[in-house]
Amino acid sequence: MLNSPTAQKFILHWGEMGTRWGVNRTVAQIHALLFLAERPLSADDIVETLGVARSNVSNSLKELQSWKLVKVTHVLGDRRDHFTALQDVWEIFRVIVEERKRREIDPTLSVLRECAIEGTQDPELGAAALARMQVTLDFLELLSASFEDYKHLSPQTLQRVLKMGGAVARFLPAGKEAS
């Protein structure tokens, strides 16, 4: 099943997509492989299926575990670790967004908050630059707060909200609103 042309196409594309999002190609391919797998796979299974080095597989599995996308499991009669991936695409999306927020947005918010405070005391910083920093801070705080509002919704509710978004947008003015 995992050697089918369609599965291989999916795995290869997932790797390409991952690189566009700043994720190592092998990490993304292993995630795709485990997502499609109908049973837990050992590192040896992954090496054999993808044809990548064992060390690369080990490092990639650690990375996927740190993202909480892959878990270790055990198979009766086999002492090796086996791995499974989250199977619910809504949960995968939630975990990825939450981890990216924690790793990227939260530290940026901290620095932007410091800059907003320090910028008012910095005589060399122009008002326009300070204003752009503040707009960026406001934007990221809005995104962060929105994520906090949405992350606890069930997949069914989130799906309804997303479907409703286009309908709601049709009732709003089409042009840019004044700030």
N, C-alpha and C. Protein backbone atom coordinates (compact mmCIF):
# COMPACT_ATOMS: atom_id res chain seq x y z
N MET A 1 0.82 -1.19 0.00
CA MET A 1 0.00 0.00 0.00
C MET A 1 0.86 1.26 0.00
N LEU A 2 1.88 1.31 0.88
CA LEU A 2 2.73 2.51 0.96
C LEU A 2 3.68 2.62 -0.22
N ASN A 3 3.82 1.55 -0.99
CA ASN A 3 4.67 1.60 -2.18
C ASN A 3 3.87 1.88 -3.44
N SER A 4 2.58 2.12 -3.30
CA SER A 4 1.75 2.41 -4.47
C SER A 4 2.17 3.75 -5.07
N PRO A 5 1.99 3.92 -6.37
CA PRO A 5 2.36 5.19 -7.01
C PRO A 5 1.64 6.39 -6.38
N THR A 6 0.39 6.21 -6.00
CA THR A 6 -0.37 7.31 -5.42
C THR A 6 0.17 7.68 -4.04
N ALA A 7 0.47 6.68 -3.23
CA ALA A 7 1.04 6.94 -1.90
C ALA A 7 2.40 7.63 -2.05
N GLN A 8 3.22 7.15 -2.99
CA GLN A 8 4.52 7.76 -3.21
C GLN A 8 4.39 9.22 -3.66
N LYS A 9 3.43 9.48 -4.53
CA LYS A 9 3.18 10.85 -4.99
C LYS A 9 2.80 11.74 -3.81
N PHE A 10 1.91 11.24 -2.94
CA PHE A 10 1.49 11.99 -1.76
C PHE A 10 2.68 12.28 -0.85
N ILE A 11 3.48 11.27 -0.57
CA ILE A 11 4.63 11.41 0.33
C ILE A 11 5.65 12.40 -0.26
N LEU A 12 5.94 12.27 -1.53
CA LEU A 12 6.89 13.19 -2.18
C LEU A 12 6.36 14.63 -2.16
N HIS A 13 5.08 14.79 -2.44
CA HIS A 13 4.53 16.14 -2.44
C HIS A 13 4.51 16.73 -1.02
N TRP A 14 4.19 15.90 -0.03
CA TRP A 14 4.20 16.37 1.36
C TRP A 14 5.59 16.89 1.73
N GLY A 15 6.62 16.18 1.24
CA GLY A 15 8.00 16.62 1.47
C GLY A 15 8.27 17.96 0.80
N GLU A 16 7.80 18.12 -0.44
CA GLU A 16 7.97 19.39 -1.15
C GLU A 16 7.22 20.51 -0.44
N MET A 17 5.99 20.23 -0.03
CA MET A 17 5.20 21.23 0.67
C MET A 17 5.89 21.62 1.98
N GLY A 18 6.43 20.64 2.68
CA GLY A 18 7.13 20.91 3.93
C GLY A 18 8.29 21.87 3.74
N THR A 19 9.07 21.67 2.68
CA THR A 19 10.21 22.56 2.45
C THR A 19 9.76 23.98 2.20
N ARG A 20 8.60 24.15 1.57
CA ARG A 20 8.08 25.51 1.34
C ARG A 20 7.63 26.16 2.63
N TRP A 21 7.36 25.36 3.65
CA TRP A 21 6.92 25.89 4.95
C TRP A 21 8.07 25.90 5.95
N GLY A 22 9.29 25.63 5.47
CA GLY A 22 10.45 25.67 6.35
C GLY A 22 10.68 24.39 7.14
N VAL A 23 10.12 23.29 6.67
CA VAL A 23 10.29 22.00 7.34
C VAL A 23 11.20 21.14 6.47
N ASN A 24 12.13 20.45 7.10
CA ASN A 24 13.03 19.54 6.41
C ASN A 24 12.22 18.53 5.58
N ARG A 25 12.67 18.30 4.35
CA ARG A 25 11.96 17.41 3.43
C ARG A 25 11.75 16.01 4.02
N THR A 26 12.80 15.44 4.62
CA THR A 26 12.67 14.09 5.17
C THR A 26 11.69 14.06 6.34
N VAL A 27 11.71 15.08 7.17
CA VAL A 27 10.76 15.17 8.28
C VAL A 27 9.33 15.12 7.73
N ALA A 28 9.07 15.93 6.71
CA ALA A 28 7.74 15.99 6.12
C ALA A 28 7.37 14.67 5.45
N GLN A 29 8.31 14.03 4.77
CA GLN A 29 8.03 12.75 4.12
C GLN A 29 7.73 11.67 5.14
N ILE A 30 8.47 11.65 6.23
CA ILE A 30 8.21 10.65 7.28
C ILE A 30 6.83 10.90 7.89
N HIS A 31 6.50 12.16 8.09
CA HIS A 31 5.17 12.46 8.61
C HIS A 31 4.09 11.94 7.66
N ALA A 32 4.25 12.19 6.38
CA ALA A 32 3.28 11.71 5.39
C ALA A 32 3.19 10.19 5.39
N LEU A 33 4.34 9.54 5.44
CA LEU A 33 4.37 8.07 5.46
C LEU A 33 3.61 7.53 6.67
N LEU A 34 3.89 8.08 7.85
CA LEU A 34 3.22 7.61 9.06
C LEU A 34 1.74 7.97 9.05
N PHE A 35 1.39 9.09 8.43
CA PHE A 35 -0.01 9.48 8.32
C PHE A 35 -0.78 8.47 7.46
N LEU A 36 -0.17 8.00 6.41
CA LEU A 36 -0.83 7.03 5.51
C LEU A 36 -0.78 5.60 6.03
N ALA A 37 0.19 5.28 6.86
CA ALA A 37 0.41 3.90 7.31
C ALA A 37 -0.81 3.37 8.08
N GLU A 38 -1.12 2.14 7.83
CA GLU A 38 -2.26 1.51 8.50
C GLU A 38 -1.84 0.77 9.76
N ARG A 39 -0.54 0.80 10.04
CA ARG A 39 -0.02 0.16 11.25
C ARG A 39 1.18 0.97 11.72
N PRO A 40 1.56 0.83 12.99
CA PRO A 40 2.77 1.51 13.46
C PRO A 40 4.00 1.01 12.69
N LEU A 41 4.92 1.91 12.40
CA LEU A 41 6.13 1.57 11.65
C LEU A 41 7.36 1.77 12.54
N SER A 42 8.32 0.88 12.37
CA SER A 42 9.60 1.04 13.07
C SER A 42 10.49 1.95 12.24
N ALA A 43 11.56 2.43 12.85
CA ALA A 43 12.52 3.25 12.11
C ALA A 43 13.08 2.47 10.92
N ASP A 44 13.31 1.17 11.12
CA ASP A 44 13.81 0.34 10.01
C ASP A 44 12.82 0.29 8.86
N ASP A 45 11.51 0.19 9.17
CA ASP A 45 10.48 0.21 8.13
C ASP A 45 10.55 1.51 7.34
N ILE A 46 10.75 2.61 8.06
CA ILE A 46 10.79 3.93 7.42
C ILE A 46 12.02 4.05 6.53
N VAL A 47 13.18 3.60 7.04
CA VAL A 47 14.41 3.61 6.26
C VAL A 47 14.21 2.84 4.96
N GLU A 48 13.64 1.66 5.08
CA GLU A 48 13.43 0.79 3.91
C GLU A 48 12.45 1.40 2.92
N THR A 49 11.38 1.98 3.41
CA THR A 49 10.35 2.53 2.52
C THR A 49 10.81 3.79 1.82
N LEU A 50 11.46 4.68 2.55
CA LEU A 50 11.86 5.97 1.97
C LEU A 50 13.27 5.98 1.39
N GLY A 51 14.08 5.00 1.77
CA GLY A 51 15.44 4.95 1.25
C GLY A 51 16.32 6.08 1.75
N VAL A 52 16.15 6.46 3.01
CA VAL A 52 16.97 7.51 3.60
C VAL A 52 17.81 6.91 4.72
N ALA A 53 18.84 7.63 5.12
CA ALA A 53 19.77 7.13 6.14
C ALA A 53 19.08 6.96 7.49
N ARG A 54 19.52 5.96 8.23
CA ARG A 54 18.94 5.67 9.55
C ARG A 54 19.09 6.86 10.49
N SER A 55 20.22 7.54 10.44
CA SER A 55 20.44 8.70 11.31
C SER A 55 19.46 9.82 10.96
N ASN A 56 19.19 9.99 9.68
CA ASN A 56 18.24 11.01 9.23
C ASN A 56 16.83 10.67 9.74
N VAL A 57 16.48 9.40 9.69
CA VAL A 57 15.17 8.96 10.19
C VAL A 57 15.08 9.21 11.68
N SER A 58 16.12 8.85 12.43
CA SER A 58 16.10 9.05 13.89
C SER A 58 15.94 10.52 14.24
N ASN A 59 16.71 11.39 13.60
CA ASN A 59 16.60 12.83 13.87
C ASN A 59 15.24 13.37 13.47
N SER A 60 14.72 12.90 12.34
CA SER A 60 13.42 13.37 11.86
C SER A 60 12.30 12.93 12.80
N LEU A 61 12.39 11.70 13.30
CA LEU A 61 11.38 11.22 14.25
C LEU A 61 11.40 12.02 15.54
N LYS A 62 12.60 12.39 15.99
CA LYS A 62 12.70 13.24 17.20
C LYS A 62 12.04 14.59 16.95
N GLU A 63 12.27 15.14 15.78
CA GLU A 63 11.67 16.43 15.43
C GLU A 63 10.14 16.30 15.39
N LEU A 64 9.62 15.26 14.77
CA LEU A 64 8.17 15.06 14.70
C LEU A 64 7.56 14.84 16.09
N GLN A 65 8.30 14.16 16.96
CA GLN A 65 7.83 13.97 18.33
C GLN A 65 7.81 15.30 19.08
N SER A 66 8.82 16.15 18.83
CA SER A 66 8.85 17.45 19.52
C SER A 66 7.69 18.33 19.08
N TRP A 67 7.21 18.11 17.86
CA TRP A 67 6.04 18.85 17.35
C TRP A 67 4.73 18.20 17.81
N LYS A 68 4.82 17.05 18.47
CA LYS A 68 3.65 16.31 18.95
C LYS A 68 2.79 15.78 17.79
N LEU A 69 3.43 15.51 16.66
CA LEU A 69 2.73 14.97 15.50
C LEU A 69 2.89 13.46 15.40
N VAL A 70 3.91 12.93 16.07
CA VAL A 70 4.22 11.50 16.03
C VAL A 70 4.43 11.00 17.45
N LYS A 71 3.94 9.79 17.70
CA LYS A 71 4.09 9.18 19.02
C LYS A 71 4.75 7.83 18.89
N VAL A 72 5.48 7.46 19.96
CA VAL A 72 6.10 6.13 20.04
C VAL A 72 5.04 5.16 20.55
N THR A 73 5.05 4.00 19.96
CA THR A 73 4.17 2.93 20.42
C THR A 73 4.97 1.63 20.37
N HIS A 74 4.43 0.61 20.98
CA HIS A 74 5.13 -0.68 20.99
C HIS A 74 4.24 -1.76 20.41
N VAL A 75 4.88 -2.72 19.78
CA VAL A 75 4.18 -3.83 19.15
C VAL A 75 4.54 -5.10 19.91
N LEU A 76 3.53 -5.85 20.26
CA LEU A 76 3.74 -7.09 21.01
C LEU A 76 4.72 -8.01 20.27
N GLY A 77 5.73 -8.48 20.98
CA GLY A 77 6.72 -9.38 20.41
C GLY A 77 7.86 -8.69 19.69
N ASP A 78 7.87 -7.37 19.65
CA ASP A 78 8.93 -6.62 18.98
C ASP A 78 9.46 -5.58 19.95
N ARG A 79 10.75 -5.63 20.25
CA ARG A 79 11.33 -4.73 21.25
C ARG A 79 11.62 -3.34 20.70
N ARG A 80 11.56 -3.19 19.39
CA ARG A 80 11.84 -1.88 18.78
C ARG A 80 10.69 -0.90 19.04
N ASP A 81 11.04 0.39 19.01
CA ASP A 81 10.01 1.42 19.04
C ASP A 81 9.34 1.47 17.67
N HIS A 82 8.07 1.69 17.70
CA HIS A 82 7.30 1.90 16.48
C HIS A 82 6.65 3.28 16.59
N PHE A 83 6.24 3.82 15.46
CA PHE A 83 5.77 5.20 15.44
C PHE A 83 4.44 5.30 14.71
N THR A 84 3.60 6.16 15.25
CA THR A 84 2.32 6.48 14.63
C THR A 84 2.18 7.99 14.56
N ALA A 85 1.43 8.44 13.58
CA ALA A 85 1.16 9.87 13.42
C ALA A 85 -0.29 10.14 13.78
N LEU A 86 -0.56 11.38 14.18
CA LEU A 86 -1.94 11.79 14.36
C LEU A 86 -2.68 11.53 13.05
N GLN A 87 -3.92 11.10 13.15
CA GLN A 87 -4.67 10.74 11.95
C GLN A 87 -5.77 11.74 11.59
N ASP A 88 -6.15 12.58 12.52
CA ASP A 88 -7.22 13.55 12.29
C ASP A 88 -6.61 14.83 11.73
N VAL A 89 -6.98 15.20 10.50
CA VAL A 89 -6.37 16.38 9.87
C VAL A 89 -6.67 17.66 10.64
N TRP A 90 -7.80 17.74 11.32
CA TRP A 90 -8.12 18.93 12.12
C TRP A 90 -7.18 19.01 13.32
N GLU A 91 -6.90 17.86 13.93
CA GLU A 91 -5.98 17.83 15.07
C GLU A 91 -4.55 18.13 14.61
N ILE A 92 -4.16 17.61 13.46
CA ILE A 92 -2.83 17.91 12.90
C ILE A 92 -2.71 19.42 12.69
N PHE A 93 -3.72 20.02 12.09
CA PHE A 93 -3.70 21.46 11.84
C PHE A 93 -3.59 22.22 13.15
N ARG A 94 -4.39 21.83 14.14
CA ARG A 94 -4.38 22.52 15.44
C ARG A 94 -3.01 22.42 16.10
N VAL A 95 -2.42 21.22 16.08
CA VAL A 95 -1.11 21.01 16.70
C VAL A 95 -0.04 21.84 15.99
N ILE A 96 -0.06 21.84 14.67
CA ILE A 96 0.94 22.60 13.91
C ILE A 96 0.80 24.09 14.19
N VAL A 97 -0.42 24.59 14.15
CA VAL A 97 -0.62 26.02 14.41
C VAL A 97 -0.21 26.37 15.83
N GLU A 98 -0.58 25.51 16.79
CA GLU A 98 -0.22 25.78 18.18
C GLU A 98 1.30 25.78 18.38
N GLU A 99 1.98 24.83 17.78
CA GLU A 99 3.44 24.76 17.90
C GLU A 99 4.11 25.93 17.20
N ARG A 100 3.62 26.31 16.02
CA ARG A 100 4.21 27.46 15.31
C ARG A 100 3.98 28.73 16.11
N LYS A 101 2.80 28.85 16.71
CA LYS A 101 2.53 30.02 17.55
C LYS A 101 3.51 30.06 18.71
N ARG A 102 3.68 28.93 19.37
CA ARG A 102 4.57 28.86 20.53
C ARG A 102 6.02 29.16 20.15
N ARG A 103 6.46 28.63 19.01
CA ARG A 103 7.86 28.75 18.61
C ARG A 103 8.18 30.05 17.88
N GLU A 104 7.19 30.62 17.18
CA GLU A 104 7.46 31.77 16.31
C GLU A 104 6.72 33.03 16.73
N ILE A 105 5.42 32.92 16.91
CA ILE A 105 4.62 34.12 17.20
C ILE A 105 4.85 34.62 18.62
N ASP A 106 4.81 33.73 19.61
CA ASP A 106 4.97 34.17 21.01
C ASP A 106 6.30 34.89 21.25
N PRO A 107 7.44 34.37 20.78
CA PRO A 107 8.69 35.13 20.98
C PRO A 107 8.68 36.47 20.24
N THR A 108 8.06 36.50 19.08
CA THR A 108 7.98 37.75 18.32
C THR A 108 7.11 38.76 19.07
N LEU A 109 6.01 38.29 19.64
CA LEU A 109 5.16 39.18 20.43
C LEU A 109 5.93 39.78 21.61
N SER A 110 6.74 38.95 22.27
CA SER A 110 7.53 39.45 23.40
C SER A 110 8.47 40.57 22.96
N VAL A 111 9.16 40.37 21.85
CA VAL A 111 10.10 41.38 21.36
C VAL A 111 9.34 42.63 20.91
N LEU A 112 8.23 42.45 20.22
CA LEU A 112 7.45 43.61 19.77
C LEU A 112 6.91 44.41 20.95
N ARG A 113 6.50 43.73 22.00
CA ARG A 113 6.03 44.45 23.20
C ARG A 113 7.17 45.26 23.81
N GLU A 114 8.36 44.67 23.89
CA GLU A 114 9.52 45.40 24.40
C GLU A 114 9.82 46.61 23.52
N CYS A 115 9.77 46.40 22.20
CA CYS A 115 10.05 47.50 21.27
C CYS A 115 9.02 48.62 21.42
N ALA A 116 7.77 48.27 21.63
CA ALA A 116 6.72 49.28 21.78
C ALA A 116 6.98 50.13 23.02
N ILE A 117 7.43 49.49 24.09
CA ILE A 117 7.74 50.23 25.32
C ILE A 117 9.02 51.04 25.15
N GLU A 118 10.08 50.38 24.68
CA GLU A 118 11.37 51.06 24.53
C GLU A 118 11.32 52.15 23.47
N GLY A 119 10.49 51.92 22.45
CA GLY A 119 10.42 52.88 21.34
C GLY A 119 9.92 54.24 21.76
N THR A 120 9.08 54.28 22.77
CA THR A 120 8.58 55.59 23.23
C THR A 120 9.68 56.39 23.92
N GLN A 121 10.74 55.70 24.37
CA GLN A 121 11.85 56.37 25.06
C GLN A 121 13.08 56.54 24.16
N ASP A 122 12.98 56.07 22.92
CA ASP A 122 14.13 56.10 22.00
C ASP A 122 14.04 57.35 21.11
N PRO A 123 14.86 58.36 21.39
CA PRO A 123 14.78 59.59 20.61
C PRO A 123 15.24 59.42 19.16
N GLU A 124 15.96 58.36 18.86
CA GLU A 124 16.45 58.15 17.50
C GLU A 124 15.44 57.42 16.62
N LEU A 125 14.39 56.87 17.24
CA LEU A 125 13.38 56.12 16.49
C LEU A 125 12.29 57.09 16.03
N GLY A 126 12.05 57.11 14.74
CA GLY A 126 11.01 58.00 14.20
C GLY A 126 9.61 57.53 14.57
N ALA A 127 8.69 58.47 14.58
CA ALA A 127 7.30 58.18 14.92
C ALA A 127 6.68 57.18 13.94
N ALA A 128 7.03 57.29 12.67
CA ALA A 128 6.46 56.38 11.67
C ALA A 128 6.93 54.94 11.91
N ALA A 129 8.20 54.76 12.24
CA ALA A 129 8.72 53.42 12.52
C ALA A 129 8.06 52.85 13.76
N LEU A 130 7.91 53.64 14.79
CA LEU A 130 7.25 53.20 16.01
C LEU A 130 5.79 52.81 15.72
N ALA A 131 5.13 53.59 14.88
CA ALA A 131 3.74 53.29 14.51
C ALA A 131 3.65 51.96 13.76
N ARG A 132 4.60 51.70 12.85
CA ARG A 132 4.59 50.43 12.11
C ARG A 132 4.84 49.25 13.05
N MET A 133 5.73 49.44 14.03
CA MET A 133 5.95 48.39 15.03
C MET A 133 4.66 48.12 15.81
N GLN A 134 3.95 49.18 16.18
CA GLN A 134 2.72 49.04 16.94
C GLN A 134 1.64 48.34 16.11
N VAL A 135 1.53 48.68 14.84
CA VAL A 135 0.56 48.04 13.96
C VAL A 135 0.87 46.54 13.84
N THR A 136 2.15 46.22 13.72
CA THR A 136 2.55 44.81 13.65
C THR A 136 2.21 44.09 14.95
N LEU A 137 2.50 44.73 16.08
CA LEU A 137 2.16 44.15 17.38
C LEU A 137 0.65 43.93 17.50
N ASP A 138 -0.13 44.92 17.14
CA ASP A 138 -1.59 44.80 17.21
C ASP A 138 -2.09 43.65 16.35
N PHE A 139 -1.53 43.54 15.13
CA PHE A 139 -1.92 42.47 14.21
C PHE A 139 -1.62 41.10 14.80
N LEU A 140 -0.40 40.91 15.30
CA LEU A 140 -0.03 39.60 15.86
C LEU A 140 -0.79 39.30 17.14
N GLU A 141 -1.10 40.30 17.94
CA GLU A 141 -1.90 40.07 19.14
C GLU A 141 -3.32 39.66 18.76
N LEU A 142 -3.87 40.24 17.71
CA LEU A 142 -5.20 39.86 17.23
C LEU A 142 -5.19 38.41 16.74
N LEU A 143 -4.19 38.05 15.95
CA LEU A 143 -4.09 36.67 15.48
C LEU A 143 -3.94 35.70 16.64
N SER A 144 -3.11 36.04 17.60
CA SER A 144 -2.88 35.19 18.75
C SER A 144 -4.16 35.01 19.57
N ALA A 145 -4.86 36.10 19.81
CA ALA A 145 -6.11 36.03 20.57
C ALA A 145 -7.16 35.22 19.81
N SER A 146 -7.21 35.39 18.50
CA SER A 146 -8.16 34.63 17.69
C SER A 146 -7.86 33.14 17.77
N PHE A 147 -6.58 32.79 17.70
CA PHE A 147 -6.22 31.39 17.82
C PHE A 147 -6.66 30.84 19.17
N GLU A 148 -6.44 31.59 20.23
CA GLU A 148 -6.85 31.14 21.57
C GLU A 148 -8.37 30.93 21.62
N ASP A 149 -9.13 31.79 20.93
CA ASP A 149 -10.58 31.64 20.89
C ASP A 149 -11.00 30.38 20.14
N TYR A 150 -10.30 30.07 19.05
CA TYR A 150 -10.70 28.98 18.17
C TYR A 150 -10.11 27.61 18.52
N LYS A 151 -9.00 27.57 19.22
CA LYS A 151 -8.28 26.30 19.38
C LYS A 151 -9.05 25.26 20.19
N HIS A 152 -10.02 25.68 20.99
CA HIS A 152 -10.76 24.73 21.80
C HIS A 152 -12.06 24.26 21.13
N LEU A 153 -12.34 24.81 19.95
CA LEU A 153 -13.55 24.40 19.25
C LEU A 153 -13.39 22.98 18.71
N SER A 154 -14.47 22.25 18.67
CA SER A 154 -14.43 20.92 18.07
C SER A 154 -14.19 21.07 16.58
N PRO A 155 -13.67 20.03 15.95
CA PRO A 155 -13.47 20.11 14.49
C PRO A 155 -14.77 20.42 13.74
N GLN A 156 -15.87 19.87 14.20
CA GLN A 156 -17.15 20.11 13.53
C GLN A 156 -17.54 21.59 13.63
N THR A 157 -17.38 22.18 14.82
CA THR A 157 -17.71 23.59 15.00
C THR A 157 -16.76 24.47 14.20
N LEU A 158 -15.48 24.16 14.23
CA LEU A 158 -14.50 24.94 13.47
C LEU A 158 -14.80 24.87 11.97
N GLN A 159 -15.18 23.71 11.51
CA GLN A 159 -15.52 23.56 10.10
C GLN A 159 -16.74 24.42 9.74
N ARG A 160 -17.73 24.47 10.62
CA ARG A 160 -18.91 25.32 10.37
C ARG A 160 -18.51 26.80 10.36
N VAL A 161 -17.62 27.20 11.30
CA VAL A 161 -17.17 28.60 11.35
C VAL A 161 -16.43 28.95 10.06
N LEU A 162 -15.55 28.07 9.60
CA LEU A 162 -14.79 28.34 8.38
C LEU A 162 -15.71 28.42 7.16
N LYS A 163 -16.69 27.54 7.08
CA LYS A 163 -17.64 27.59 5.97
C LYS A 163 -18.48 28.86 6.02
N MET A 164 -18.80 29.30 7.22
CA MET A 164 -19.59 30.50 7.41
C MET A 164 -18.80 31.76 7.04
N GLY A 165 -17.48 31.69 7.15
CA GLY A 165 -16.64 32.86 6.89
C GLY A 165 -16.88 33.50 5.55
N GLY A 166 -16.98 32.70 4.50
CA GLY A 166 -17.24 33.24 3.17
C GLY A 166 -18.60 33.90 3.08
N ALA A 167 -19.59 33.31 3.73
CA ALA A 167 -20.94 33.88 3.72
C ALA A 167 -20.96 35.21 4.47
N VAL A 168 -20.28 35.27 5.60
CA VAL A 168 -20.22 36.50 6.38
C VAL A 168 -19.51 37.59 5.59
N ALA A 169 -18.43 37.23 4.90
CA ALA A 169 -17.65 38.20 4.13
C ALA A 169 -18.50 38.86 3.05
N ARG A 170 -19.48 38.15 2.50
CA ARG A 170 -20.33 38.73 1.45
C ARG A 170 -21.21 39.87 1.99
N PHE A 171 -21.43 39.91 3.31
CA PHE A 171 -22.24 40.96 3.90
C PHE A 171 -21.43 42.20 4.30
N LEU A 172 -20.11 42.09 4.24
CA LEU A 172 -19.24 43.20 4.62
C LEU A 172 -18.94 44.06 3.40
N PRO A 173 -18.62 45.35 3.63
CA PRO A 173 -18.25 46.21 2.49
C PRO A 173 -17.05 45.63 1.75
N ALA A 174 -17.05 45.78 0.43
CA ALA A 174 -16.02 45.17 -0.40
C ALA A 174 -14.69 45.91 -0.35
N GLY A 175 -14.69 47.22 -0.18
CA GLY A 175 -13.46 47.99 -0.22
C GLY A 175 -12.71 47.98 1.10
N LYS A 176 -11.57 48.67 1.08
CA LYS A 176 -10.79 48.84 2.31
C LYS A 176 -11.53 49.78 3.24
N GLU A 177 -11.57 49.40 4.49
CA GLU A 177 -12.19 50.28 5.49
C GLU A 177 -11.15 51.25 6.00
N ALA A 178 -11.58 52.42 6.40
CA ALA A 178 -10.66 53.39 6.98
C ALA A 178 -10.24 52.91 8.36
N SER A 179 -8.99 53.09 8.69
CA SER A 179 -8.46 52.65 9.99
C SER A 179 -8.87 53.59 11.09
